[in-house]
């Protein structure tokens, strides 16, 4: 099954097929289960920020990465972008 993610409010960065998904959720375990069952590629958790300001943080990260957006909440990011 893998690691359990029981964060109640968080912003996550997921990796799949060389792309990164940046989003927010109140139930990361359930969201990961849905994404993984619908994806043709493995999905791994790159980082999780637990915060009560999840909406604000997600918008800020999306704005910083806007030039690298591929589709929706999926971004093509380099290691330099991620550190």
Protein backbone atom coordinates (compact mmCIF):
# COMPACT_ATOMS: atom_id res chain seq x y z
CA UNK A 1 0.00 0.00 0.00
CA UNK A 2 2.80 2.46 0.77
CA UNK A 3 3.00 5.47 3.05
CA UNK A 4 -0.20 6.88 4.53
CA UNK A 5 -0.78 10.65 4.31
CA UNK A 6 -3.27 11.72 6.99
CA UNK A 7 -2.96 15.49 6.63
CA UNK A 8 -6.27 17.29 7.06
CA UNK A 9 -5.43 20.50 5.11
CA UNK A 10 -2.43 20.55 2.87
CA UNK A 11 -0.82 21.61 -0.37
CA UNK A 12 0.92 18.76 -2.17
CA UNK A 13 3.42 18.32 -4.97
CA UNK A 14 3.06 14.99 -6.74
CA UNK A 15 5.29 13.59 -9.50
CA UNK A 16 4.18 11.42 -12.38
CA UNK A 17 5.83 10.81 -15.73
CA UNK A 18 8.19 13.77 -15.33
CA UNK A 19 5.39 16.21 -14.55
CA UNK A 20 4.43 17.70 -11.19
CA UNK A 21 0.90 18.18 -9.91
CA UNK A 22 0.48 21.02 -7.42
CA UNK A 23 -2.82 21.12 -5.58
CA UNK A 24 -4.58 21.20 -2.25
CA UNK A 25 -6.86 18.83 -0.42
CA UNK A 26 -8.35 18.10 2.95
CA UNK A 27 -7.98 14.33 2.46
CA UNK A 28 -4.66 13.50 0.77
CA UNK A 29 -4.95 9.71 1.15
CA UNK A 30 -8.34 9.65 -0.57
CA UNK A 31 -7.21 12.03 -3.32
CA UNK A 32 -4.08 9.96 -4.01
CA UNK A 33 -6.16 6.81 -4.26
CA UNK A 34 -8.42 8.46 -6.87
CA UNK A 35 -5.52 9.86 -8.88
CA UNK A 36 -3.56 6.61 -8.82
CA UNK A 37 -6.53 4.55 -9.97
CA UNK A 38 -7.09 6.90 -12.95
CA UNK A 39 -3.45 7.36 -13.99
CA UNK A 40 -1.51 5.36 -16.54
CA UNK A 41 1.74 6.31 -14.74
CA UNK A 42 2.85 5.78 -11.14
CA UNK A 43 2.26 8.82 -8.92
CA UNK A 44 4.59 9.63 -6.05
CA UNK A 45 4.45 12.28 -3.35
CA UNK A 46 7.31 14.77 -3.76
CA UNK A 47 6.37 17.10 -0.90
CA UNK A 48 3.46 18.01 1.38
CA UNK A 49 2.91 21.33 3.15
CA UNK A 50 0.48 21.05 6.05
CA UNK A 51 -1.18 24.46 6.47
CA UNK A 52 -4.44 26.17 7.32
CA UNK A 53 -3.65 28.62 4.49
CA UNK A 54 -3.91 25.92 1.80
CA UNK A 55 -5.80 28.06 -0.74
CA UNK A 56 -3.38 30.97 -0.42
CA UNK A 57 -0.28 28.76 -0.62
CA UNK A 58 -1.57 26.81 -3.63
CA UNK A 59 -2.31 30.05 -5.52
CA UNK A 60 1.14 31.43 -4.69
CA UNK A 61 2.93 28.30 -5.92
CA UNK A 62 0.78 28.20 -9.08
CA UNK A 63 1.68 31.86 -9.75
CA UNK A 64 5.41 31.17 -9.27
CA UNK A 65 5.24 28.20 -11.67
CA UNK A 66 2.81 29.68 -14.21
CA UNK A 67 5.36 29.70 -17.02
CA UNK A 68 5.89 25.95 -16.60
CA UNK A 69 2.21 24.96 -16.63
CA UNK A 70 1.44 22.09 -19.00
CA UNK A 71 -2.25 21.58 -18.26
CA UNK A 72 -4.50 22.38 -15.30
CA UNK A 73 -2.49 21.76 -12.14
CA UNK A 74 0.30 19.89 -13.97
CA UNK A 75 3.70 21.56 -14.41
CA UNK A 76 7.02 20.67 -16.05
CA UNK A 77 9.49 21.64 -13.33
CA UNK A 78 13.24 21.26 -12.99
CA UNK A 79 15.08 20.35 -9.79
CA UNK A 80 16.11 24.00 -9.67
CA UNK A 81 12.41 24.97 -9.56
CA UNK A 82 11.73 22.50 -6.79
CA UNK A 83 14.45 23.52 -4.33
